[in-house]
Amino acid sequence: MRGQTLILAATFATTFASPLTQLWKREKVYNEHGNLKLTSSKDTVALGDIKINDTKQKPNKACHDSGQCETNDIKMKGQLLSTDQANNIELTLGPDGSYPSDMRRKLLDALFAAVNGMAKCEKTKHKGSSSCPNPMVFCPAKDKTVTQCKVPKYWGVNYQDPKEKKAAPPNIGTSLEVKVVGDKVCQDTMGALSGVAGAVSGVAGGTFTLLSFACN
């Protein structure tokens, strides 16, 4: 696997005459003896008051013990709050995956542990108002403090089983559609992988060790 990475790096440098330092920004090997590949997108979405752990319940239901995820879009409603504004949002999840049934729970736990490790969250205090500037939106009448997170627009994990090198790797992922923002969650994670590596190794009974992280 390491040899393949080095060959790709040489080809990239020859074809585009670009510094090799640009390659690791797309995929970075964290531990060459690891077994879990993590991929996320550069684009970022704002979840508003939708909690990351609440989004976990949806793929839990869509990804079955049979070894496949339903690919139908899953909708969740929430609000994106600022100090003086409240906007309704709709989050669309697009799960996908193929895996042995005994890997289902482990992959889901690793996926959401990684997302929690990557997320940028901050508290927002929304000032309540008896009048609402937008009649189509529910505006809290009282002051309300919420934690709102920004996460990559795509998350995915796949397990590199050393005993099954020729088989398609077990994998689970999901895309997200909501308000897109410019924060560099994926790129910032690339520069500080130890937190995400610790998150994924702490679930599924220690099954996973982060092999690499790709930012596409």
N, C-alpha and C. Protein backbone atom coordinates (compact mmCIF):
# COMPACT_ATOMS: atom_id res chain seq x y z
N MET A 1 0.83 -1.20 0.00
CA MET A 1 0.00 0.00 0.00
C MET A 1 0.87 1.26 0.00
N ARG A 2 2.00 1.17 0.81
CA ARG A 2 2.88 2.33 0.85
C ARG A 2 3.55 2.54 -0.48
N GLY A 3 3.95 1.41 -1.14
CA GLY A 3 4.58 1.52 -2.43
C GLY A 3 3.67 2.18 -3.44
N GLN A 4 2.38 1.84 -3.41
CA GLN A 4 1.43 2.45 -4.33
C GLN A 4 1.35 3.95 -4.13
N THR A 5 1.41 4.39 -2.89
CA THR A 5 1.35 5.82 -2.60
C THR A 5 2.57 6.53 -3.16
N LEU A 6 3.74 5.91 -3.03
CA LEU A 6 4.97 6.53 -3.52
C LEU A 6 4.98 6.60 -5.04
N ILE A 7 4.46 5.56 -5.70
CA ILE A 7 4.39 5.58 -7.16
C ILE A 7 3.46 6.69 -7.64
N LEU A 8 2.33 6.82 -6.99
CA LEU A 8 1.38 7.88 -7.35
C LEU A 8 2.02 9.24 -7.16
N ALA A 9 2.79 9.40 -6.09
CA ALA A 9 3.44 10.67 -5.83
C ALA A 9 4.43 11.01 -6.93
N ALA A 10 5.16 10.01 -7.39
CA ALA A 10 6.14 10.25 -8.45
C ALA A 10 5.45 10.64 -9.75
N THR A 11 4.35 9.96 -10.06
CA THR A 11 3.60 10.27 -11.27
C THR A 11 3.03 11.67 -11.21
N PHE A 12 2.49 12.03 -10.09
CA PHE A 12 1.89 13.36 -9.90
C PHE A 12 2.95 14.44 -10.12
N ALA A 13 4.14 14.22 -9.56
CA ALA A 13 5.18 15.23 -9.68
C ALA A 13 5.67 15.35 -11.11
N THR A 14 5.76 14.21 -11.81
CA THR A 14 6.25 14.23 -13.18
C THR A 14 5.25 14.88 -14.12
N THR A 15 3.99 14.53 -13.96
CA THR A 15 2.96 15.01 -14.88
C THR A 15 2.67 16.50 -14.71
N PHE A 16 2.59 16.95 -13.47
CA PHE A 16 2.16 18.31 -13.22
C PHE A 16 3.29 19.23 -12.76
N ALA A 17 4.49 18.67 -12.56
CA ALA A 17 5.62 19.45 -12.10
C ALA A 17 5.27 20.27 -10.86
N SER A 18 4.53 19.62 -9.95
CA SER A 18 4.10 20.28 -8.73
C SER A 18 4.83 19.68 -7.54
N PRO A 19 4.99 20.42 -6.45
CA PRO A 19 5.68 19.89 -5.27
C PRO A 19 4.93 18.71 -4.69
N LEU A 20 5.68 17.73 -4.15
CA LEU A 20 5.06 16.57 -3.54
C LEU A 20 4.26 16.94 -2.30
N THR A 21 4.54 18.08 -1.74
CA THR A 21 3.80 18.49 -0.55
C THR A 21 2.33 18.70 -0.84
N GLN A 22 1.97 18.90 -2.11
CA GLN A 22 0.57 19.09 -2.45
C GLN A 22 -0.21 17.78 -2.35
N LEU A 23 0.48 16.63 -2.50
CA LEU A 23 -0.21 15.36 -2.53
C LEU A 23 -0.82 15.02 -1.17
N TRP A 24 -0.07 15.25 -0.11
CA TRP A 24 -0.56 14.85 1.21
C TRP A 24 -1.80 15.63 1.63
N LYS A 25 -2.04 16.75 0.97
CA LYS A 25 -3.23 17.52 1.30
C LYS A 25 -4.50 16.80 0.85
N ARG A 26 -4.33 15.84 -0.07
CA ARG A 26 -5.48 15.07 -0.53
C ARG A 26 -5.61 13.77 0.26
N GLU A 27 -4.50 13.09 0.51
CA GLU A 27 -4.54 11.89 1.34
C GLU A 27 -3.25 11.79 2.13
N LYS A 28 -3.39 11.56 3.41
CA LYS A 28 -2.23 11.50 4.30
C LYS A 28 -2.23 10.17 5.04
N VAL A 29 -1.12 9.44 4.94
CA VAL A 29 -0.99 8.19 5.68
C VAL A 29 -0.66 8.53 7.12
N TYR A 30 -1.48 8.07 8.03
CA TYR A 30 -1.27 8.34 9.45
C TYR A 30 -0.48 7.21 10.11
N ASN A 31 -0.84 5.98 9.80
CA ASN A 31 -0.16 4.81 10.35
C ASN A 31 -0.18 3.73 9.28
N GLU A 32 0.98 3.41 8.72
CA GLU A 32 1.01 2.45 7.61
C GLU A 32 0.59 1.05 8.03
N HIS A 33 0.51 0.80 9.33
CA HIS A 33 0.04 -0.48 9.82
C HIS A 33 -1.44 -0.42 10.22
N GLY A 34 -2.09 0.70 9.95
CA GLY A 34 -3.50 0.86 10.29
C GLY A 34 -4.39 0.06 9.36
N ASN A 35 -5.70 0.04 9.67
CA ASN A 35 -6.62 -0.75 8.86
C ASN A 35 -7.91 -0.01 8.50
N LEU A 36 -7.99 1.28 8.82
CA LEU A 36 -9.20 2.04 8.54
C LEU A 36 -8.87 3.29 7.72
N LYS A 37 -9.50 3.40 6.56
CA LYS A 37 -9.35 4.60 5.74
C LYS A 37 -10.54 5.52 5.96
N LEU A 38 -10.25 6.77 6.18
CA LEU A 38 -11.28 7.78 6.42
C LEU A 38 -11.23 8.81 5.30
N THR A 39 -12.38 9.09 4.71
CA THR A 39 -12.47 10.06 3.62
C THR A 39 -13.55 11.08 3.93
N SER A 40 -13.24 12.35 3.71
CA SER A 40 -14.27 13.38 3.82
C SER A 40 -14.07 14.40 2.72
N SER A 41 -15.03 15.30 2.57
CA SER A 41 -14.96 16.29 1.50
C SER A 41 -14.43 17.62 2.02
N LYS A 42 -13.90 18.42 1.09
CA LYS A 42 -13.45 19.77 1.46
C LYS A 42 -14.64 20.68 1.74
N ASP A 43 -15.73 20.47 1.03
CA ASP A 43 -16.92 21.30 1.26
C ASP A 43 -17.50 21.00 2.63
N THR A 44 -18.07 22.01 3.24
CA THR A 44 -18.56 21.93 4.61
C THR A 44 -20.03 22.31 4.66
N VAL A 45 -20.77 21.69 5.59
CA VAL A 45 -22.17 22.05 5.79
C VAL A 45 -22.40 22.46 7.24
N ALA A 46 -23.35 23.37 7.42
CA ALA A 46 -23.74 23.81 8.76
C ALA A 46 -24.97 23.04 9.18
N LEU A 47 -24.89 22.33 10.31
CA LEU A 47 -26.01 21.51 10.77
C LEU A 47 -27.04 22.29 11.57
N GLY A 48 -26.72 23.54 11.94
CA GLY A 48 -27.64 24.31 12.76
C GLY A 48 -27.83 23.62 14.11
N ASP A 49 -29.09 23.51 14.55
CA ASP A 49 -29.33 22.89 15.86
C ASP A 49 -29.55 21.37 15.76
N ILE A 50 -29.31 20.79 14.58
CA ILE A 50 -29.37 19.33 14.43
C ILE A 50 -28.11 18.73 15.03
N LYS A 51 -28.27 17.83 15.98
CA LYS A 51 -27.13 17.24 16.68
C LYS A 51 -26.52 16.10 15.86
N ILE A 52 -25.19 16.02 15.89
CA ILE A 52 -24.49 14.96 15.16
C ILE A 52 -25.00 13.58 15.58
N ASN A 53 -25.18 13.38 16.89
CA ASN A 53 -25.63 12.08 17.37
C ASN A 53 -27.04 11.76 16.91
N ASP A 54 -27.85 12.78 16.63
CA ASP A 54 -29.19 12.53 16.07
C ASP A 54 -29.10 12.04 14.63
N THR A 55 -28.12 12.57 13.88
CA THR A 55 -27.95 12.12 12.49
C THR A 55 -27.50 10.66 12.46
N LYS A 56 -26.87 10.20 13.52
CA LYS A 56 -26.40 8.80 13.56
C LYS A 56 -27.56 7.82 13.54
N GLN A 57 -28.69 8.19 14.12
CA GLN A 57 -29.82 7.27 14.20
C GLN A 57 -30.38 6.92 12.83
N LYS A 58 -30.23 7.84 11.87
CA LYS A 58 -30.80 7.61 10.54
C LYS A 58 -30.03 6.52 9.77
N PRO A 59 -28.69 6.62 9.62
CA PRO A 59 -27.97 5.52 8.97
C PRO A 59 -28.08 4.21 9.74
N ASN A 60 -28.25 4.30 11.06
CA ASN A 60 -28.45 3.08 11.85
C ASN A 60 -29.63 2.28 11.33
N LYS A 61 -30.69 2.99 10.94
CA LYS A 61 -31.89 2.32 10.43
C LYS A 61 -31.76 1.97 8.94
N ALA A 62 -31.04 2.80 8.20
CA ALA A 62 -30.95 2.60 6.75
C ALA A 62 -29.91 1.54 6.37
N CYS A 63 -28.91 1.33 7.22
CA CYS A 63 -27.86 0.33 6.95
C CYS A 63 -28.19 -0.94 7.73
N HIS A 64 -28.58 -1.97 7.01
CA HIS A 64 -29.16 -3.15 7.63
C HIS A 64 -28.13 -4.24 7.93
N ASP A 65 -28.54 -5.18 8.78
CA ASP A 65 -27.68 -6.32 9.11
C ASP A 65 -27.44 -7.20 7.89
N SER A 66 -28.23 -7.04 6.85
CA SER A 66 -28.07 -7.84 5.63
C SER A 66 -26.78 -7.51 4.89
N GLY A 67 -26.17 -6.35 5.23
CA GLY A 67 -24.89 -6.00 4.60
C GLY A 67 -24.97 -4.89 3.57
N GLN A 68 -26.11 -4.22 3.48
CA GLN A 68 -26.28 -3.13 2.51
C GLN A 68 -27.02 -1.97 3.17
N CYS A 69 -26.73 -0.74 2.69
CA CYS A 69 -27.49 0.43 3.13
C CYS A 69 -28.53 0.79 2.08
N GLU A 70 -29.71 1.16 2.52
CA GLU A 70 -30.67 1.75 1.60
C GLU A 70 -30.10 3.07 1.09
N THR A 71 -30.30 3.35 -0.17
CA THR A 71 -29.74 4.56 -0.76
C THR A 71 -30.76 5.69 -0.91
N ASN A 72 -31.96 5.49 -0.36
CA ASN A 72 -32.95 6.57 -0.41
C ASN A 72 -32.51 7.73 0.48
N ASP A 73 -32.76 8.95 0.03
CA ASP A 73 -32.40 10.12 0.82
C ASP A 73 -33.20 10.15 2.12
N ILE A 74 -32.55 10.62 3.18
CA ILE A 74 -33.18 10.75 4.49
C ILE A 74 -33.23 12.23 4.84
N LYS A 75 -34.39 12.73 5.23
CA LYS A 75 -34.58 14.14 5.53
C LYS A 75 -34.65 14.39 7.03
N MET A 76 -34.03 15.47 7.46
CA MET A 76 -34.13 15.92 8.85
C MET A 76 -34.35 17.43 8.83
N LYS A 77 -35.20 17.91 9.72
CA LYS A 77 -35.48 19.34 9.79
C LYS A 77 -34.83 19.95 11.03
N GLY A 78 -34.42 21.20 10.91
CA GLY A 78 -33.82 21.91 12.03
C GLY A 78 -33.83 23.40 11.78
N GLN A 79 -33.09 24.12 12.59
CA GLN A 79 -32.96 25.57 12.43
C GLN A 79 -31.50 25.99 12.52
N LEU A 80 -31.17 26.98 11.72
CA LEU A 80 -29.85 27.61 11.78
C LEU A 80 -30.04 28.96 12.46
N LEU A 81 -29.46 29.10 13.63
CA LEU A 81 -29.70 30.28 14.46
C LEU A 81 -28.47 31.17 14.53
N SER A 82 -28.70 32.46 14.47
CA SER A 82 -27.67 33.46 14.77
C SER A 82 -28.20 34.30 15.93
N THR A 83 -27.50 35.36 16.27
CA THR A 83 -27.93 36.17 17.40
C THR A 83 -29.35 36.69 17.23
N ASP A 84 -29.68 37.14 16.01
CA ASP A 84 -30.99 37.76 15.81
C ASP A 84 -31.79 37.17 14.66
N GLN A 85 -31.36 36.02 14.13
CA GLN A 85 -32.10 35.41 13.02
C GLN A 85 -32.31 33.92 13.28
N ALA A 86 -33.42 33.41 12.74
CA ALA A 86 -33.71 31.98 12.78
C ALA A 86 -34.15 31.54 11.39
N ASN A 87 -33.44 30.55 10.82
CA ASN A 87 -33.78 30.06 9.49
C ASN A 87 -34.05 28.56 9.55
N ASN A 88 -35.15 28.16 8.94
CA ASN A 88 -35.43 26.73 8.85
C ASN A 88 -34.47 26.08 7.86
N ILE A 89 -33.98 24.89 8.20
CA ILE A 89 -33.11 24.15 7.29
C ILE A 89 -33.62 22.72 7.18
N GLU A 90 -33.27 22.09 6.08
CA GLU A 90 -33.56 20.68 5.88
C GLU A 90 -32.26 19.97 5.51
N LEU A 91 -31.88 19.01 6.32
CA LEU A 91 -30.67 18.23 6.09
C LEU A 91 -31.04 16.96 5.35
N THR A 92 -30.34 16.67 4.27
CA THR A 92 -30.56 15.45 3.50
C THR A 92 -29.34 14.55 3.62
N LEU A 93 -29.55 13.34 4.13
CA LEU A 93 -28.49 12.35 4.25
C LEU A 93 -28.63 11.33 3.13
N GLY A 94 -27.52 10.97 2.52
CA GLY A 94 -27.53 9.96 1.46
C GLY A 94 -26.61 8.81 1.82
N PRO A 95 -27.06 7.85 2.65
CA PRO A 95 -26.19 6.76 3.10
C PRO A 95 -25.87 5.78 1.98
N ASP A 96 -24.74 5.11 2.13
CA ASP A 96 -24.32 4.10 1.16
C ASP A 96 -23.35 3.16 1.87
N GLY A 97 -23.35 1.89 1.50
CA GLY A 97 -22.41 0.99 2.14
C GLY A 97 -22.62 -0.46 1.78
N SER A 98 -21.54 -1.23 1.93
CA SER A 98 -21.56 -2.67 1.71
C SER A 98 -20.55 -3.29 2.67
N TYR A 99 -20.97 -4.33 3.42
CA TYR A 99 -20.13 -4.80 4.52
C TYR A 99 -20.65 -6.15 5.02
N PRO A 100 -19.79 -6.94 5.67
CA PRO A 100 -20.28 -8.14 6.36
C PRO A 100 -21.16 -7.71 7.53
N SER A 101 -22.14 -8.49 7.86
CA SER A 101 -23.09 -8.09 8.91
C SER A 101 -22.41 -7.84 10.25
N ASP A 102 -21.33 -8.57 10.54
CA ASP A 102 -20.69 -8.39 11.84
C ASP A 102 -19.84 -7.11 11.91
N MET A 103 -19.68 -6.43 10.76
CA MET A 103 -18.90 -5.18 10.73
C MET A 103 -19.80 -3.94 10.76
N ARG A 104 -21.10 -4.13 10.63
CA ARG A 104 -22.03 -3.00 10.52
C ARG A 104 -21.89 -2.01 11.67
N ARG A 105 -22.08 -2.50 12.89
CA ARG A 105 -22.04 -1.63 14.06
C ARG A 105 -20.66 -0.99 14.24
N LYS A 106 -19.62 -1.75 13.99
CA LYS A 106 -18.27 -1.23 14.17
C LYS A 106 -17.97 -0.09 13.19
N LEU A 107 -18.38 -0.26 11.94
CA LEU A 107 -18.14 0.78 10.94
C LEU A 107 -18.93 2.05 11.25
N LEU A 108 -20.19 1.89 11.66
CA LEU A 108 -21.01 3.05 12.01
C LEU A 108 -20.42 3.79 13.21
N ASP A 109 -19.98 3.04 14.22
CA ASP A 109 -19.38 3.68 15.39
C ASP A 109 -18.11 4.43 15.02
N ALA A 110 -17.29 3.81 14.16
CA ALA A 110 -16.05 4.46 13.74
C ALA A 110 -16.34 5.72 12.92
N LEU A 111 -17.34 5.63 12.04
CA LEU A 111 -17.68 6.77 11.20
C LEU A 111 -18.09 7.97 12.04
N PHE A 112 -18.98 7.76 13.00
CA PHE A 112 -19.48 8.89 13.78
C PHE A 112 -18.49 9.34 14.84
N ALA A 113 -17.62 8.45 15.30
CA ALA A 113 -16.53 8.89 16.18
C ALA A 113 -15.61 9.84 15.43
N ALA A 114 -15.34 9.51 14.17
CA ALA A 114 -14.48 10.38 13.35
C ALA A 114 -15.14 11.73 13.09
N VAL A 115 -16.43 11.71 12.78
CA VAL A 115 -17.13 12.97 12.51
C VAL A 115 -17.16 13.86 13.74
N ASN A 116 -17.42 13.26 14.89
CA ASN A 116 -17.39 14.05 16.13
C ASN A 116 -16.00 14.63 16.38
N GLY A 117 -14.96 13.89 15.97
CA GLY A 117 -13.60 14.40 16.12
C GLY A 117 -13.28 15.53 15.16
N MET A 118 -13.93 15.55 14.00
CA MET A 118 -13.66 16.58 12.99
C MET A 118 -14.51 17.83 13.17
N ALA A 119 -15.69 17.69 13.75
CA ALA A 119 -16.67 18.77 13.77
C ALA A 119 -16.15 20.04 14.44
N LYS A 120 -16.56 21.16 13.89
CA LYS A 120 -16.30 22.47 14.51
C LYS A 120 -17.61 22.96 15.10
N CYS A 121 -17.65 23.03 16.40
CA CYS A 121 -18.90 23.39 17.09
C CYS A 121 -18.70 24.64 17.93
N GLU A 122 -19.74 25.44 18.01
CA GLU A 122 -19.69 26.63 18.86
C GLU A 122 -21.10 26.93 19.38
N LYS A 123 -21.14 27.57 20.54
CA LYS A 123 -22.42 27.94 21.14
C LYS A 123 -22.89 29.28 20.56
N THR A 124 -24.17 29.35 20.26
CA THR A 124 -24.78 30.57 19.75
C THR A 124 -25.94 30.96 20.66
N LYS A 125 -25.96 32.20 21.08
CA LYS A 125 -27.07 32.68 21.90
C LYS A 125 -28.01 33.48 21.02
N HIS A 126 -29.20 32.94 20.84
CA HIS A 126 -30.22 33.61 20.03
C HIS A 126 -31.13 34.44 20.93
N LYS A 127 -31.28 35.70 20.57
CA LYS A 127 -32.13 36.60 21.36
C LYS A 127 -33.59 36.39 20.97
N GLY A 128 -34.41 36.04 21.96
CA GLY A 128 -35.82 35.81 21.70
C GLY A 128 -36.56 37.09 21.34
N SER A 129 -37.66 36.93 20.62
CA SER A 129 -38.45 38.09 20.21
C SER A 129 -39.92 37.70 20.11
N SER A 130 -40.79 38.61 20.52
CA SER A 130 -42.22 38.34 20.42
C SER A 130 -42.72 38.48 18.99
N SER A 131 -41.93 39.20 18.16
CA SER A 131 -42.28 39.35 16.75
C SER A 131 -41.24 38.62 15.92
N CYS A 132 -41.65 38.12 14.78
CA CYS A 132 -40.75 37.34 13.93
C CYS A 132 -40.70 37.98 12.55
N PRO A 133 -39.51 38.34 12.06
CA PRO A 133 -39.42 39.00 10.75
C PRO A 133 -39.84 38.11 9.59
N ASN A 134 -39.76 36.80 9.77
CA ASN A 134 -40.14 35.87 8.72
C ASN A 134 -41.34 35.06 9.20
N PRO A 135 -42.54 35.30 8.66
CA PRO A 135 -43.75 34.60 9.14
C PRO A 135 -43.73 33.11 8.86
N MET A 136 -42.83 32.64 7.99
CA MET A 136 -42.76 31.22 7.65
C MET A 136 -41.83 30.45 8.59
N VAL A 137 -41.20 31.16 9.52
CA VAL A 137 -40.22 30.54 10.40
C VAL A 137 -40.65 30.69 11.85
N PHE A 138 -40.48 29.62 12.64
CA PHE A 138 -40.72 29.72 14.08
C PHE A 138 -39.55 30.43 14.73
N CYS A 139 -39.81 31.51 15.44
CA CYS A 139 -38.77 32.25 16.12
C CYS A 139 -38.94 32.07 17.63
N PRO A 140 -37.93 31.58 18.34
CA PRO A 140 -38.06 31.42 19.79
C PRO A 140 -38.41 32.73 20.48
N ALA A 141 -39.41 32.70 21.37
CA ALA A 141 -39.83 33.91 22.07
C ALA A 141 -38.87 34.27 23.20
N LYS A 142 -38.14 33.27 23.71
CA LYS A 142 -37.19 33.51 24.79
C LYS A 142 -35.76 33.32 24.28
N ASP A 143 -34.80 33.92 25.00
CA ASP A 143 -33.40 33.71 24.65
C ASP A 143 -33.09 32.22 24.67
N LYS A 144 -32.28 31.80 23.71
CA LYS A 144 -31.99 30.38 23.57
C LYS A 144 -30.52 30.21 23.19
N THR A 145 -29.82 29.36 23.92
CA THR A 145 -28.42 29.06 23.60
C THR A 145 -28.33 27.65 23.04
N VAL A 146 -27.75 27.52 21.85
CA VAL A 146 -27.63 26.21 21.21
C VAL A 146 -26.19 26.00 20.77
N THR A 147 -25.81 24.74 20.71
CA THR A 147 -24.50 24.37 20.13
C THR A 147 -24.74 23.95 18.69
N GLN A 148 -24.07 24.64 17.77
CA GLN A 148 -24.24 24.37 16.34
C GLN A 148 -22.90 23.94 15.76
N CYS A 149 -22.95 22.91 14.91
CA CYS A 149 -21.72 22.32 14.38
C CYS A 149 -21.64 22.43 12.86
N LYS A 150 -20.42 22.46 12.38
CA LYS A 150 -20.12 22.40 10.95
C LYS A 150 -19.28 21.15 10.71
N VAL A 151 -19.65 20.41 9.68
CA VAL A 151 -19.00 19.13 9.38
C VAL A 151 -18.76 19.02 7.88
N PRO A 152 -17.87 18.11 7.45
CA PRO A 152 -17.70 17.89 6.02
C PRO A 152 -18.99 17.43 5.34
N LYS A 153 -19.10 17.74 4.07
CA LYS A 153 -20.30 17.41 3.30
C LYS A 153 -20.40 15.92 2.97
N TYR A 154 -19.28 15.22 3.07
CA TYR A 154 -19.28 13.76 2.86
C TYR A 154 -18.41 13.11 3.92
N TRP A 155 -18.86 11.98 4.46
CA TRP A 155 -18.05 11.19 5.40
C TRP A 155 -18.06 9.75 4.91
N GLY A 156 -16.93 9.08 5.02
CA GLY A 156 -16.89 7.66 4.65
C GLY A 156 -15.73 6.95 5.32
N VAL A 157 -15.93 5.69 5.67
CA VAL A 157 -14.87 4.85 6.20
C VAL A 157 -14.87 3.53 5.44
N ASN A 158 -13.67 2.95 5.25
CA ASN A 158 -13.60 1.58 4.76
C ASN A 158 -12.49 0.84 5.47
N TYR A 159 -12.76 -0.42 5.73
CA TYR A 159 -11.89 -1.28 6.54
C TYR A 159 -10.98 -2.08 5.63
N GLN A 160 -9.68 -1.94 5.83
CA GLN A 160 -8.68 -2.65 5.03
C GLN A 160 -8.26 -3.91 5.79
N ASP A 161 -9.00 -4.99 5.56
CA ASP A 161 -8.70 -6.25 6.25
C ASP A 161 -7.44 -6.87 5.64
N PRO A 162 -6.37 -7.04 6.42
CA PRO A 162 -5.13 -7.60 5.86
C PRO A 162 -5.29 -9.02 5.34
N LYS A 163 -6.33 -9.73 5.79
CA LYS A 163 -6.56 -11.10 5.34
C LYS A 163 -7.37 -11.16 4.05
N GLU A 164 -7.93 -10.02 3.64
CA GLU A 164 -8.81 -9.99 2.46
C GLU A 164 -8.36 -8.88 1.50
N LYS A 165 -7.11 -8.90 1.10
CA LYS A 165 -6.55 -7.82 0.29
C LYS A 165 -7.17 -7.76 -1.10
N LYS A 166 -7.69 -8.87 -1.60
CA LYS A 166 -8.25 -8.89 -2.96
C LYS A 166 -9.76 -8.63 -2.97
N ALA A 167 -10.36 -8.57 -1.81
CA ALA A 167 -11.82 -8.35 -1.75
C ALA A 167 -12.13 -6.87 -1.62
N ALA A 168 -13.34 -6.49 -2.03
CA ALA A 168 -13.77 -5.10 -1.86
C ALA A 168 -13.86 -4.81 -0.36
N PRO A 169 -13.29 -3.69 0.09
CA PRO A 169 -13.27 -3.42 1.53
C PRO A 169 -14.65 -3.07 2.07
N PRO A 170 -15.02 -3.58 3.25
CA PRO A 170 -16.27 -3.17 3.90
C PRO A 170 -16.28 -1.65 4.08
N ASN A 171 -17.40 -1.02 3.78
CA ASN A 171 -17.43 0.45 3.82
C ASN A 171 -18.82 0.96 4.14
N ILE A 172 -18.86 2.13 4.77
CA ILE A 172 -20.10 2.86 5.02
C ILE A 172 -19.79 4.35 4.89
N GLY A 173 -20.70 5.09 4.27
CA GLY A 173 -20.51 6.53 4.14
C GLY A 173 -21.85 7.22 3.97
N THR A 174 -21.84 8.53 4.04
CA THR A 174 -23.06 9.30 3.77
C THR A 174 -22.70 10.68 3.26
N SER A 175 -23.50 11.16 2.33
CA SER A 175 -23.38 12.54 1.87
C SER A 175 -24.40 13.38 2.62
N LEU A 176 -24.15 14.70 2.68
CA LEU A 176 -25.06 15.60 3.36
C LEU A 176 -25.32 16.81 2.48
N GLU A 177 -26.55 17.26 2.46
CA GLU A 177 -26.91 18.48 1.75
C GLU A 177 -27.63 19.42 2.71
N VAL A 178 -27.13 20.61 2.86
CA VAL A 178 -27.77 21.64 3.65
C VAL A 178 -27.08 22.94 3.25
N LYS A 179 -27.08 23.95 4.08
CA LYS A 179 -26.40 25.19 3.74
C LYS A 179 -24.89 24.97 3.72
N VAL A 180 -24.25 25.28 2.59
CA VAL A 180 -22.81 25.10 2.46
C VAL A 180 -22.09 26.35 2.95
N VAL A 181 -21.05 26.15 3.76
CA VAL A 181 -20.26 27.26 4.28
C VAL A 181 -18.80 27.06 3.91
N GLY A 182 -17.98 28.06 4.18
CA GLY A 182 -16.61 28.03 3.70
C GLY A 182 -15.57 27.54 4.67
N ASP A 183 -15.95 27.09 5.87
CA ASP A 183 -14.96 26.66 6.84
C ASP A 183 -14.21 25.42 6.36
N LYS A 184 -12.92 25.37 6.65
CA LYS A 184 -12.06 24.30 6.14
C LYS A 184 -11.94 23.17 7.18
N VAL A 185 -13.05 22.51 7.47
CA VAL A 185 -13.04 21.44 8.47
C VAL A 185 -12.14 20.30 8.02
N CYS A 186 -12.30 19.87 6.77
CA CYS A 186 -11.52 18.73 6.27
C CYS A 186 -10.03 19.06 6.24
N GLN A 187 -9.68 20.23 5.69
CA GLN A 187 -8.28 20.61 5.59
C GLN A 187 -7.64 20.78 6.96
N ASP A 188 -8.38 21.34 7.91
CA ASP A 188 -7.84 21.52 9.26
C ASP A 188 -7.61 20.17 9.93
N THR A 189 -8.51 19.22 9.68
CA THR A 189 -8.35 17.88 10.25
C THR A 189 -7.08 17.22 9.72
N MET A 190 -6.76 17.47 8.44
CA MET A 190 -5.57 16.90 7.83
C MET A 190 -4.31 17.28 8.60
N GLY A 191 -4.31 18.47 9.16
CA GLY A 191 -3.13 18.95 9.88
C GLY A 191 -3.07 18.50 11.32
N ALA A 192 -4.10 17.83 11.81
CA ALA A 192 -4.13 17.41 13.21
C ALA A 192 -4.89 16.10 13.32
N LEU A 193 -4.30 15.03 12.81
CA LEU A 193 -5.01 13.76 12.71
C LEU A 193 -5.06 12.98 14.02
N SER A 194 -4.25 13.33 14.99
CA SER A 194 -4.19 12.51 16.20
C SER A 194 -5.53 12.45 16.93
N GLY A 195 -6.29 13.56 16.91
CA GLY A 195 -7.59 13.58 17.57
C GLY A 195 -8.56 12.61 16.92
N VAL A 196 -8.61 12.61 15.59
CA VAL A 196 -9.51 11.70 14.87
C VAL A 196 -9.03 10.26 15.01
N ALA A 197 -7.71 10.06 14.96
CA ALA A 197 -7.16 8.71 15.12
C ALA A 197 -7.54 8.14 16.48
N GLY A 198 -7.46 8.97 17.51
CA GLY A 198 -7.84 8.53 18.85
C GLY A 198 -9.32 8.22 18.94
N ALA A 199 -10.13 9.00 18.22
CA ALA A 199 -11.58 8.80 18.26
C ALA A 199 -11.97 7.46 17.65
N VAL A 200 -11.41 7.12 16.49
CA VAL A 200 -11.81 5.87 15.83
C VAL A 200 -11.22 4.64 16.52
N SER A 201 -10.07 4.79 17.17
CA SER A 201 -9.48 3.63 17.86
C SER A 201 -10.19 3.34 19.18
N GLY A 202 -10.96 4.33 19.66
CA GLY A 202 -11.65 4.17 20.94
C GLY A 202 -13.02 3.53 20.84
N VAL A 203 -13.45 3.14 19.62
CA VAL A 203 -14.76 2.51 19.45
C VAL A 203 -14.58 1.11 18.87
N ALA A 204 -15.68 0.37 18.80
CA ALA A 204 -15.70 -0.97 18.18
C ALA A 204 -14.71 -1.92 18.84
N GLY A 205 -14.49 -1.76 20.14
CA GLY A 205 -13.61 -2.67 20.85
C GLY A 205 -12.17 -2.64 20.39
N GLY A 206 -11.74 -1.50 19.85
CA GLY A 206 -10.36 -1.37 19.40
C GLY A 206 -10.07 -2.06 18.07
N THR A 207 -11.13 -2.34 17.28
CA THR A 207 -10.95 -3.02 15.99
C THR A 207 -10.12 -2.19 15.02
N PHE A 208 -10.31 -0.85 15.03
CA PHE A 208 -9.74 -0.01 13.99
C PHE A 208 -8.53 0.79 14.46
N THR A 209 -7.58 0.95 13.55
CA THR A 209 -6.47 1.88 13.71
C THR A 209 -6.43 2.72 12.44
N LEU A 210 -6.40 4.03 12.58
CA LEU A 210 -6.45 4.89 11.40
C LEU A 210 -5.26 4.64 10.49
N LEU A 211 -5.53 4.26 9.26
CA LEU A 211 -4.49 4.05 8.25
C LEU A 211 -4.19 5.35 7.53
N SER A 212 -5.25 5.99 7.01
CA SER A 212 -5.04 7.21 6.25
C SER A 212 -6.30 8.07 6.30
N PHE A 213 -6.13 9.32 5.89
CA PHE A 213 -7.23 10.28 5.84
C PHE A 213 -7.15 11.00 4.50
N ALA A 214 -8.25 11.01 3.76
CA ALA A 214 -8.29 11.66 2.46
C ALA A 214 -9.24 12.84 2.51
N CYS A 215 -8.81 13.93 1.89
CA CYS A 215 -9.61 15.15 1.82
C CYS A 215 -9.84 15.47 0.36
N ASN A 216 -11.06 15.20 -0.14
CA ASN A 216 -11.35 15.31 -1.58
C ASN A 216 -12.22 16.49 -1.91
